N, C-alpha and C. Protein backbone atom coordinates (compact mmCIF):
# COMPACT_ATOMS: atom_id res chain seq x y z
N MET A 1 0.85 -1.17 0.00
CA MET A 1 0.00 0.00 0.00
C MET A 1 0.89 1.24 0.00
N PRO A 2 0.68 2.21 -0.96
CA PRO A 2 1.53 3.39 -1.01
C PRO A 2 1.29 4.30 0.19
N ARG A 3 2.37 4.88 0.60
CA ARG A 3 2.31 5.77 1.76
C ARG A 3 1.88 7.16 1.30
N SER A 4 0.89 7.78 1.95
CA SER A 4 0.39 9.10 1.57
C SER A 4 1.05 10.17 2.44
N LEU A 5 1.15 11.34 1.88
CA LEU A 5 1.72 12.47 2.61
C LEU A 5 0.70 13.01 3.61
N PRO A 6 1.16 13.46 4.76
CA PRO A 6 0.20 13.98 5.74
C PRO A 6 -0.42 15.28 5.23
N LEU A 7 -1.68 15.45 5.53
CA LEU A 7 -2.39 16.68 5.16
C LEU A 7 -2.09 17.77 6.18
N PRO A 8 -1.96 19.00 5.72
CA PRO A 8 -1.75 20.08 6.69
C PRO A 8 -3.01 20.29 7.52
N LEU A 9 -2.84 20.42 8.82
CA LEU A 9 -3.98 20.55 9.71
C LEU A 9 -4.21 21.99 10.16
N THR A 10 -3.41 22.92 9.73
CA THR A 10 -3.60 24.30 10.15
C THR A 10 -4.32 25.07 9.05
N LEU A 11 -5.26 25.83 9.46
CA LEU A 11 -6.01 26.70 8.54
C LEU A 11 -5.80 28.14 8.96
N ALA A 12 -5.93 29.03 8.01
CA ALA A 12 -5.83 30.46 8.33
C ALA A 12 -7.03 30.85 9.16
N PRO A 13 -6.83 31.65 10.21
CA PRO A 13 -7.97 32.04 11.04
C PRO A 13 -8.93 32.93 10.25
N ALA A 14 -10.19 32.73 10.49
CA ALA A 14 -11.22 33.54 9.82
C ALA A 14 -11.34 34.88 10.53
N PRO A 15 -11.63 35.95 9.78
CA PRO A 15 -11.79 37.24 10.45
C PRO A 15 -13.05 37.22 11.31
N PRO A 16 -13.07 38.03 12.37
CA PRO A 16 -14.28 38.09 13.20
C PRO A 16 -15.47 38.52 12.35
N PRO A 17 -16.67 38.06 12.68
CA PRO A 17 -17.83 38.34 11.82
C PRO A 17 -18.21 39.80 11.77
N HIS A 18 -17.86 40.60 12.77
CA HIS A 18 -18.27 42.00 12.77
C HIS A 18 -17.33 42.90 11.96
N LEU A 19 -16.14 42.41 11.57
CA LEU A 19 -15.21 43.21 10.79
C LEU A 19 -15.36 42.89 9.31
N PRO A 20 -15.33 43.90 8.44
CA PRO A 20 -15.41 43.61 7.01
C PRO A 20 -14.11 42.98 6.53
N LEU A 21 -14.20 42.23 5.44
CA LEU A 21 -13.00 41.64 4.87
C LEU A 21 -12.11 42.73 4.32
N PRO A 22 -10.79 42.63 4.50
CA PRO A 22 -9.90 43.69 4.01
C PRO A 22 -9.86 43.72 2.49
N LEU A 23 -9.83 44.93 1.96
CA LEU A 23 -9.69 45.11 0.52
C LEU A 23 -8.24 44.92 0.12
N PRO A 24 -7.98 44.48 -1.09
CA PRO A 24 -6.59 44.42 -1.52
C PRO A 24 -6.03 45.83 -1.63
N LEU A 25 -4.77 45.97 -1.34
CA LEU A 25 -4.14 47.27 -1.45
C LEU A 25 -4.09 47.69 -2.91
N PRO A 26 -4.16 49.00 -3.19
CA PRO A 26 -4.02 49.41 -4.57
C PRO A 26 -2.63 49.08 -5.07
N PRO A 27 -2.47 48.95 -6.38
CA PRO A 27 -1.13 48.66 -6.89
C PRO A 27 -0.13 49.69 -6.38
N PRO A 28 1.07 49.27 -5.99
CA PRO A 28 1.99 50.19 -5.32
C PRO A 28 2.43 51.36 -6.18
N LEU A 29 2.35 51.26 -7.50
CA LEU A 29 2.81 52.35 -8.35
C LEU A 29 1.66 53.22 -8.87
N THR A 30 0.45 53.03 -8.36
CA THR A 30 -0.70 53.76 -8.88
C THR A 30 -0.62 55.25 -8.56
N LEU A 31 -0.47 55.61 -7.30
CA LEU A 31 -0.44 57.02 -6.93
C LEU A 31 0.91 57.69 -7.17
N PRO A 32 2.04 57.00 -7.02
CA PRO A 32 3.29 57.68 -7.33
C PRO A 32 3.44 58.05 -8.81
N LEU A 33 2.71 57.39 -9.71
CA LEU A 33 2.84 57.73 -11.13
C LEU A 33 2.40 59.16 -11.43
N PRO A 34 1.22 59.62 -10.98
CA PRO A 34 0.90 61.03 -11.25
C PRO A 34 1.86 61.97 -10.54
N LEU A 35 2.35 61.57 -9.37
CA LEU A 35 3.31 62.40 -8.65
C LEU A 35 4.61 62.53 -9.43
N THR A 36 5.09 61.42 -10.00
CA THR A 36 6.31 61.45 -10.82
C THR A 36 6.09 62.24 -12.09
N ARG A 37 4.92 62.07 -12.69
CA ARG A 37 4.61 62.81 -13.92
C ARG A 37 4.54 64.31 -13.64
N TRP A 38 3.98 64.67 -12.49
CA TRP A 38 3.90 66.08 -12.10
C TRP A 38 5.30 66.64 -11.93
N GLU A 39 6.20 65.89 -11.27
CA GLU A 39 7.58 66.33 -11.09
C GLU A 39 8.29 66.49 -12.43
N THR A 40 8.07 65.54 -13.35
CA THR A 40 8.70 65.62 -14.67
C THR A 40 8.21 66.84 -15.43
N GLU A 41 6.91 67.09 -15.36
CA GLU A 41 6.35 68.24 -16.07
C GLU A 41 6.91 69.55 -15.51
N LEU A 42 7.08 69.61 -14.18
CA LEU A 42 7.63 70.83 -13.59
C LEU A 42 9.11 71.02 -13.94
N SER A 43 9.85 69.93 -14.03
CA SER A 43 11.28 70.05 -14.34
C SER A 43 11.53 70.36 -15.82
N GLU A 44 10.58 70.05 -16.69
CA GLU A 44 10.74 70.32 -18.12
C GLU A 44 10.25 71.70 -18.53
N ARG A 45 9.82 72.50 -17.58
CA ARG A 45 9.36 73.85 -17.90
C ARG A 45 10.53 74.74 -18.30
N ASP A 46 10.19 75.79 -18.97
CA ASP A 46 11.16 76.82 -19.32
C ASP A 46 11.65 77.48 -18.02
N PRO A 47 12.96 77.72 -17.87
CA PRO A 47 13.46 78.33 -16.62
C PRO A 47 12.82 79.69 -16.33
N MET A 48 12.49 80.42 -17.37
CA MET A 48 11.85 81.72 -17.17
C MET A 48 10.45 81.54 -16.56
N GLN A 49 9.73 80.52 -17.04
CA GLN A 49 8.41 80.25 -16.51
C GLN A 49 8.48 79.77 -15.06
N ALA A 50 9.54 79.01 -14.73
CA ALA A 50 9.70 78.51 -13.37
C ALA A 50 10.00 79.63 -12.38
N GLN A 51 10.60 80.73 -12.85
CA GLN A 51 10.94 81.83 -11.97
C GLN A 51 9.78 82.80 -11.73
N MET A 52 8.74 82.69 -12.55
CA MET A 52 7.58 83.57 -12.38
C MET A 52 6.79 83.15 -11.14
N ALA A 53 5.90 84.02 -10.67
CA ALA A 53 5.14 83.75 -9.45
C ALA A 53 4.27 82.49 -9.60
N GLU A 54 3.65 82.31 -10.76
CA GLU A 54 2.80 81.13 -10.97
C GLU A 54 3.64 79.85 -10.96
N GLY A 55 4.84 79.90 -11.55
CA GLY A 55 5.72 78.74 -11.56
C GLY A 55 6.18 78.37 -10.16
N LYS A 56 6.49 79.37 -9.35
CA LYS A 56 6.90 79.10 -7.97
C LYS A 56 5.74 78.54 -7.16
N ARG A 57 4.54 79.03 -7.43
CA ARG A 57 3.36 78.54 -6.73
C ARG A 57 3.08 77.07 -7.09
N GLU A 58 3.24 76.73 -8.37
CA GLU A 58 3.06 75.34 -8.80
C GLU A 58 4.09 74.42 -8.15
N MET A 59 5.34 74.86 -8.10
CA MET A 59 6.39 74.06 -7.48
C MET A 59 6.13 73.89 -5.99
N GLY A 60 5.67 74.95 -5.34
CA GLY A 60 5.35 74.87 -3.92
C GLY A 60 4.20 73.90 -3.65
N ALA A 61 3.19 73.91 -4.53
CA ALA A 61 2.07 72.98 -4.37
C ALA A 61 2.54 71.55 -4.54
N TYR A 62 3.42 71.32 -5.51
CA TYR A 62 3.95 69.97 -5.73
C TYR A 62 4.76 69.50 -4.52
N LEU A 63 5.67 70.34 -4.03
CA LEU A 63 6.51 69.94 -2.89
C LEU A 63 5.67 69.70 -1.65
N GLN A 64 4.64 70.52 -1.44
CA GLN A 64 3.77 70.33 -0.29
C GLN A 64 2.97 69.03 -0.43
N ALA A 65 2.48 68.74 -1.62
CA ALA A 65 1.73 67.49 -1.83
C ALA A 65 2.64 66.29 -1.58
N ARG A 66 3.85 66.34 -2.08
CA ARG A 66 4.79 65.23 -1.87
C ARG A 66 5.09 65.05 -0.39
N ARG A 67 5.28 66.15 0.32
CA ARG A 67 5.58 66.08 1.74
C ARG A 67 4.38 65.54 2.53
N HIS A 68 3.18 65.96 2.16
CA HIS A 68 1.99 65.53 2.90
C HIS A 68 1.57 64.10 2.57
N LEU A 69 2.05 63.56 1.45
CA LEU A 69 1.72 62.18 1.10
C LEU A 69 2.63 61.15 1.78
N ARG A 70 3.70 61.60 2.40
CA ARG A 70 4.59 60.65 3.08
C ARG A 70 3.87 59.82 4.14
N PRO A 71 3.07 60.45 5.04
CA PRO A 71 2.35 59.61 6.03
C PRO A 71 1.36 58.65 5.37
N PHE A 72 0.79 59.05 4.25
CA PHE A 72 -0.14 58.18 3.52
C PHE A 72 0.57 56.92 3.05
N PHE A 73 1.72 57.08 2.41
CA PHE A 73 2.47 55.92 1.92
C PHE A 73 3.02 55.09 3.08
N LYS A 74 3.36 55.75 4.18
CA LYS A 74 3.84 55.02 5.35
C LYS A 74 2.72 54.16 5.93
N GLN A 75 1.51 54.71 6.00
CA GLN A 75 0.37 53.93 6.50
C GLN A 75 0.05 52.76 5.56
N LEU A 76 0.21 52.98 4.26
CA LEU A 76 -0.01 51.87 3.32
C LEU A 76 1.03 50.78 3.53
N LYS A 77 2.28 51.19 3.72
CA LYS A 77 3.36 50.22 3.86
C LYS A 77 3.22 49.41 5.14
N THR A 78 2.85 50.07 6.22
CA THR A 78 2.70 49.37 7.51
C THR A 78 1.31 48.78 7.70
N ARG A 79 0.44 48.97 6.74
CA ARG A 79 -0.94 48.48 6.79
C ARG A 79 -1.68 48.98 8.02
N SER A 80 -1.48 50.24 8.36
CA SER A 80 -2.13 50.81 9.53
C SER A 80 -3.18 51.86 9.15
N MET A 81 -3.51 51.96 7.88
CA MET A 81 -4.50 52.93 7.43
C MET A 81 -5.89 52.47 7.85
N PRO A 82 -6.74 53.39 8.33
CA PRO A 82 -8.11 53.01 8.68
C PRO A 82 -8.83 52.41 7.47
N TYR A 83 -9.67 51.42 7.74
CA TYR A 83 -10.32 50.68 6.66
C TYR A 83 -11.19 51.57 5.78
N ASP A 84 -11.93 52.51 6.39
CA ASP A 84 -12.82 53.36 5.58
C ASP A 84 -12.03 54.25 4.64
N VAL A 85 -10.90 54.77 5.11
CA VAL A 85 -10.06 55.61 4.25
C VAL A 85 -9.41 54.76 3.17
N LEU A 86 -8.94 53.56 3.53
CA LEU A 86 -8.31 52.67 2.55
C LEU A 86 -9.28 52.30 1.44
N SER A 87 -10.50 51.95 1.79
CA SER A 87 -11.47 51.57 0.76
C SER A 87 -11.78 52.74 -0.16
N THR A 88 -11.83 53.95 0.39
CA THR A 88 -12.08 55.12 -0.44
C THR A 88 -10.88 55.41 -1.34
N MET A 89 -9.67 55.23 -0.83
CA MET A 89 -8.48 55.47 -1.65
C MET A 89 -8.40 54.46 -2.80
N VAL A 90 -8.80 53.21 -2.53
CA VAL A 90 -8.83 52.21 -3.60
C VAL A 90 -9.84 52.63 -4.66
N GLU A 91 -10.99 53.10 -4.21
CA GLU A 91 -12.03 53.56 -5.15
C GLU A 91 -11.54 54.76 -5.96
N ILE A 92 -10.90 55.71 -5.31
CA ILE A 92 -10.40 56.91 -6.02
C ILE A 92 -9.35 56.52 -7.05
N THR A 93 -8.40 55.65 -6.66
CA THR A 93 -7.35 55.27 -7.62
C THR A 93 -7.92 54.49 -8.80
N ARG A 94 -8.92 53.65 -8.56
CA ARG A 94 -9.55 52.94 -9.68
C ARG A 94 -10.19 53.91 -10.65
N HIS A 95 -10.91 54.89 -10.10
CA HIS A 95 -11.57 55.86 -10.98
C HIS A 95 -10.55 56.73 -11.71
N MET A 96 -9.46 57.06 -11.05
CA MET A 96 -8.42 57.85 -11.72
C MET A 96 -7.77 57.05 -12.85
N GLN A 97 -7.55 55.75 -12.64
CA GLN A 97 -6.98 54.91 -13.68
C GLN A 97 -7.90 54.83 -14.89
N GLN A 98 -9.21 54.81 -14.64
CA GLN A 98 -10.19 54.74 -15.72
C GLN A 98 -10.54 56.11 -16.27
N ARG A 99 -9.91 57.15 -15.75
CA ARG A 99 -10.16 58.55 -16.12
C ARG A 99 -11.61 58.94 -15.90
N GLU A 100 -12.19 58.45 -14.84
CA GLU A 100 -13.53 58.80 -14.40
C GLU A 100 -13.37 59.82 -13.26
N TYR A 101 -13.04 61.05 -13.63
CA TYR A 101 -12.68 62.04 -12.62
C TYR A 101 -13.87 62.52 -11.80
N VAL A 102 -15.07 62.51 -12.36
CA VAL A 102 -16.26 62.91 -11.61
C VAL A 102 -16.52 61.90 -10.49
N ARG A 103 -16.41 60.61 -10.81
CA ARG A 103 -16.62 59.59 -9.79
C ARG A 103 -15.52 59.61 -8.74
N ALA A 104 -14.28 59.87 -9.15
CA ALA A 104 -13.19 59.99 -8.19
C ALA A 104 -13.43 61.17 -7.26
N ASN A 105 -13.92 62.27 -7.81
CA ASN A 105 -14.22 63.45 -7.00
C ASN A 105 -15.37 63.16 -6.03
N ASP A 106 -16.38 62.43 -6.48
CA ASP A 106 -17.49 62.07 -5.59
C ASP A 106 -17.00 61.20 -4.44
N ALA A 107 -16.11 60.26 -4.72
CA ALA A 107 -15.55 59.41 -3.67
C ALA A 107 -14.71 60.24 -2.70
N TYR A 108 -13.97 61.21 -3.23
CA TYR A 108 -13.17 62.10 -2.37
C TYR A 108 -14.07 62.90 -1.45
N ILE A 109 -15.14 63.47 -1.99
CA ILE A 109 -16.05 64.27 -1.17
C ILE A 109 -16.73 63.40 -0.12
N LYS A 110 -17.12 62.20 -0.50
CA LYS A 110 -17.75 61.29 0.46
C LYS A 110 -16.80 60.95 1.59
N CYS A 111 -15.51 60.79 1.27
CA CYS A 111 -14.52 60.47 2.30
C CYS A 111 -14.22 61.70 3.17
N SER A 112 -14.13 62.86 2.54
CA SER A 112 -13.67 64.03 3.28
C SER A 112 -14.75 64.63 4.17
N ILE A 113 -15.96 64.78 3.68
CA ILE A 113 -16.99 65.40 4.53
C ILE A 113 -18.10 64.44 4.90
N GLY A 114 -18.18 63.31 4.24
CA GLY A 114 -19.15 62.28 4.62
C GLY A 114 -20.58 62.68 4.31
N ASN A 115 -21.50 61.96 4.94
CA ASN A 115 -22.93 62.19 4.74
C ASN A 115 -23.60 62.77 5.98
N MET A 116 -22.82 63.31 6.88
CA MET A 116 -23.37 63.83 8.12
C MET A 116 -24.23 65.06 7.86
N PRO A 117 -25.31 65.24 8.63
CA PRO A 117 -26.10 66.47 8.49
C PRO A 117 -25.31 67.65 9.02
N TRP A 118 -25.40 68.77 8.33
CA TRP A 118 -24.69 69.96 8.73
C TRP A 118 -25.67 70.96 9.31
N PRO A 119 -25.32 71.59 10.43
CA PRO A 119 -26.24 72.58 11.00
C PRO A 119 -26.35 73.80 10.09
N MET A 120 -27.56 74.29 9.94
CA MET A 120 -27.78 75.47 9.11
C MET A 120 -28.33 76.56 10.00
N GLY A 121 -27.62 77.63 10.11
CA GLY A 121 -28.08 78.74 10.93
C GLY A 121 -27.70 78.56 12.37
N ILE A 122 -28.39 79.25 13.24
CA ILE A 122 -28.12 79.23 14.67
C ILE A 122 -28.78 77.99 15.26
N THR A 123 -28.04 77.26 16.09
CA THR A 123 -28.56 75.98 16.58
C THR A 123 -29.26 76.09 17.93
N GLY A 124 -29.00 77.06 18.73
CA GLY A 124 -29.62 77.14 20.05
C GLY A 124 -30.26 78.49 20.30
N THR A 125 -31.41 78.76 19.71
CA THR A 125 -31.99 80.10 19.79
C THR A 125 -33.04 80.24 20.87
N GLY A 126 -33.75 79.20 21.20
CA GLY A 126 -34.86 79.35 22.14
C GLY A 126 -34.79 78.35 23.26
N VAL A 127 -35.89 78.30 24.02
CA VAL A 127 -35.98 77.38 25.14
C VAL A 127 -36.15 75.95 24.63
N HIS A 128 -36.94 75.80 23.57
CA HIS A 128 -37.22 74.48 23.03
C HIS A 128 -36.40 74.25 21.77
N GLU A 129 -35.83 73.08 21.67
CA GLU A 129 -35.08 72.75 20.46
C GLU A 129 -36.02 72.22 19.41
N ARG A 130 -35.64 72.43 18.17
CA ARG A 130 -36.43 71.91 17.06
C ARG A 130 -36.24 70.40 16.96
N GLN A 131 -37.21 69.76 16.34
CA GLN A 131 -37.12 68.32 16.16
C GLN A 131 -35.95 67.97 15.25
N GLY A 132 -35.17 66.95 15.61
CA GLY A 132 -34.03 66.53 14.81
C GLY A 132 -32.75 67.29 15.11
N ARG A 133 -32.80 68.29 16.00
CA ARG A 133 -31.62 69.10 16.29
C ARG A 133 -30.56 68.28 17.02
N GLN A 134 -30.97 67.22 17.73
CA GLN A 134 -30.01 66.41 18.47
C GLN A 134 -29.07 65.67 17.53
N HIS A 135 -29.45 65.51 16.27
CA HIS A 135 -28.59 64.83 15.30
C HIS A 135 -27.47 65.72 14.80
N LEU A 136 -27.51 66.99 15.10
CA LEU A 136 -26.52 67.93 14.58
C LEU A 136 -25.45 68.30 15.59
N ARG A 137 -25.42 67.62 16.71
CA ARG A 137 -24.42 67.94 17.74
C ARG A 137 -23.01 67.72 17.20
N GLU A 138 -22.09 68.47 17.75
CA GLU A 138 -20.70 68.39 17.28
C GLU A 138 -20.06 67.06 17.59
N SER A 139 -20.49 66.39 18.63
CA SER A 139 -19.87 65.11 19.00
C SER A 139 -20.18 64.01 18.00
N LYS A 140 -21.17 64.20 17.15
CA LYS A 140 -21.56 63.17 16.19
C LYS A 140 -20.85 63.32 14.85
N ILE A 141 -20.07 64.36 14.64
CA ILE A 141 -19.39 64.53 13.36
C ILE A 141 -18.24 63.54 13.31
N ALA A 142 -18.22 62.71 12.27
CA ALA A 142 -17.26 61.61 12.23
C ALA A 142 -16.51 61.55 10.91
N HIS A 143 -16.29 62.66 10.27
CA HIS A 143 -15.56 62.58 9.01
C HIS A 143 -14.06 62.68 9.28
N VAL A 144 -13.27 62.31 8.30
CA VAL A 144 -11.83 62.16 8.52
C VAL A 144 -11.09 63.49 8.49
N MET A 145 -11.74 64.57 8.15
CA MET A 145 -11.05 65.86 8.12
C MET A 145 -10.75 66.39 9.51
N ASN A 146 -11.22 65.70 10.56
CA ASN A 146 -10.89 66.12 11.92
C ASN A 146 -9.45 65.76 12.28
N ASP A 147 -8.86 64.78 11.62
CA ASP A 147 -7.48 64.38 11.86
C ASP A 147 -6.58 65.19 10.92
N GLU A 148 -5.63 65.91 11.48
CA GLU A 148 -4.79 66.83 10.70
C GLU A 148 -3.96 66.11 9.64
N THR A 149 -3.38 64.96 9.99
CA THR A 149 -2.56 64.22 9.03
C THR A 149 -3.41 63.72 7.86
N GLN A 150 -4.58 63.16 8.18
CA GLN A 150 -5.46 62.68 7.11
C GLN A 150 -5.95 63.84 6.25
N ARG A 151 -6.23 64.97 6.88
CA ARG A 151 -6.68 66.14 6.11
C ARG A 151 -5.62 66.57 5.12
N LYS A 152 -4.35 66.55 5.56
CA LYS A 152 -3.27 66.98 4.67
C LYS A 152 -3.10 66.03 3.50
N TYR A 153 -3.09 64.71 3.75
CA TYR A 153 -2.88 63.83 2.60
C TYR A 153 -4.12 63.70 1.74
N LEU A 154 -5.31 63.90 2.29
CA LEU A 154 -6.50 63.93 1.43
C LEU A 154 -6.50 65.15 0.52
N THR A 155 -6.04 66.28 1.04
CA THR A 155 -5.91 67.48 0.20
C THR A 155 -4.88 67.24 -0.90
N SER A 156 -3.80 66.54 -0.58
CA SER A 156 -2.79 66.22 -1.59
C SER A 156 -3.33 65.25 -2.63
N ILE A 157 -4.17 64.31 -2.21
CA ILE A 157 -4.81 63.39 -3.16
C ILE A 157 -5.69 64.20 -4.12
N LYS A 158 -6.39 65.18 -3.59
CA LYS A 158 -7.24 66.03 -4.44
C LYS A 158 -6.38 66.80 -5.44
N ARG A 159 -5.22 67.28 -5.01
CA ARG A 159 -4.32 67.96 -5.95
C ARG A 159 -3.83 67.02 -7.03
N LEU A 160 -3.54 65.77 -6.66
CA LEU A 160 -3.13 64.78 -7.66
C LEU A 160 -4.26 64.48 -8.64
N MET A 161 -5.49 64.44 -8.12
CA MET A 161 -6.64 64.23 -9.00
C MET A 161 -6.77 65.38 -10.00
N THR A 162 -6.60 66.59 -9.52
CA THR A 162 -6.70 67.76 -10.41
C THR A 162 -5.58 67.75 -11.44
N PHE A 163 -4.36 67.44 -11.01
CA PHE A 163 -3.26 67.37 -11.97
C PHE A 163 -3.49 66.28 -13.00
N SER A 164 -3.94 65.10 -12.54
CA SER A 164 -4.18 63.98 -13.47
C SER A 164 -5.25 64.34 -14.49
N GLN A 165 -6.23 65.10 -14.07
CA GLN A 165 -7.29 65.50 -15.00
C GLN A 165 -6.74 66.40 -16.10
N HIS A 166 -5.79 67.26 -15.76
CA HIS A 166 -5.20 68.14 -16.77
C HIS A 166 -4.13 67.41 -17.60
N ALA A 167 -3.39 66.51 -16.97
CA ALA A 167 -2.32 65.81 -17.68
C ALA A 167 -2.86 64.68 -18.55
N LEU A 168 -3.90 64.00 -18.09
CA LEU A 168 -4.51 62.89 -18.82
C LEU A 168 -5.99 63.19 -19.02
N PRO A 169 -6.32 64.06 -19.96
CA PRO A 169 -7.72 64.47 -20.10
C PRO A 169 -8.61 63.32 -20.56
N ALA A 170 -9.86 63.41 -20.19
CA ALA A 170 -10.87 62.43 -20.57
C ALA A 170 -12.00 63.16 -21.28
N ASP A 171 -13.09 62.45 -21.54
CA ASP A 171 -14.27 63.10 -22.12
C ASP A 171 -14.73 64.23 -21.20
N PRO A 172 -15.25 65.31 -21.75
CA PRO A 172 -15.70 66.41 -20.90
C PRO A 172 -16.78 65.98 -19.89
N SER A 173 -17.57 64.98 -20.22
CA SER A 173 -18.60 64.53 -19.28
C SER A 173 -18.02 63.79 -18.08
N LYS A 174 -16.74 63.36 -18.15
CA LYS A 174 -16.10 62.63 -17.07
C LYS A 174 -15.15 63.51 -16.28
N CYS A 175 -15.08 64.80 -16.59
CA CYS A 175 -14.15 65.70 -15.93
C CYS A 175 -14.89 66.62 -14.95
N VAL A 176 -14.18 67.01 -13.91
CA VAL A 176 -14.70 67.97 -12.95
C VAL A 176 -14.28 69.35 -13.43
N LEU A 177 -15.19 70.29 -13.35
CA LEU A 177 -14.87 71.65 -13.81
C LEU A 177 -13.85 72.34 -12.97
């Protein structure tokens, strides 16, 4: 009788039922490509144009975006990025790859300000509160712009989206004005 090899008895642990399954990370060269293209475009400018106020402002925006994206790439590398931000970044990069800039912008807005109700006008004017006013309290605001680091790299992602739209144009119906 032929001898059979033992079957492995260890299985990968299943994630807890209350946590969503992790999304695959975006391809590692997806976001650095527009950043590299932006740097190349700035370095190929005429020196006279680079010395003008607009040229210096563009270079400053690029350097600031690159500096603010460092924590983003570090969180990707260490896999410590919050799941909601990671899923939105995957969605934004997919839309940018497909040159669907309107959808990428919608995903950015959804990530940055969310769907929370915003107070309109004065919130505490009388003795009695209006119905539904308890939903507008400041403690319930849960969008990611409250974290300074996330705010900075989300703003840099928006700058990359704007640059990509100008560098890689799509149909006018797919572009943000």
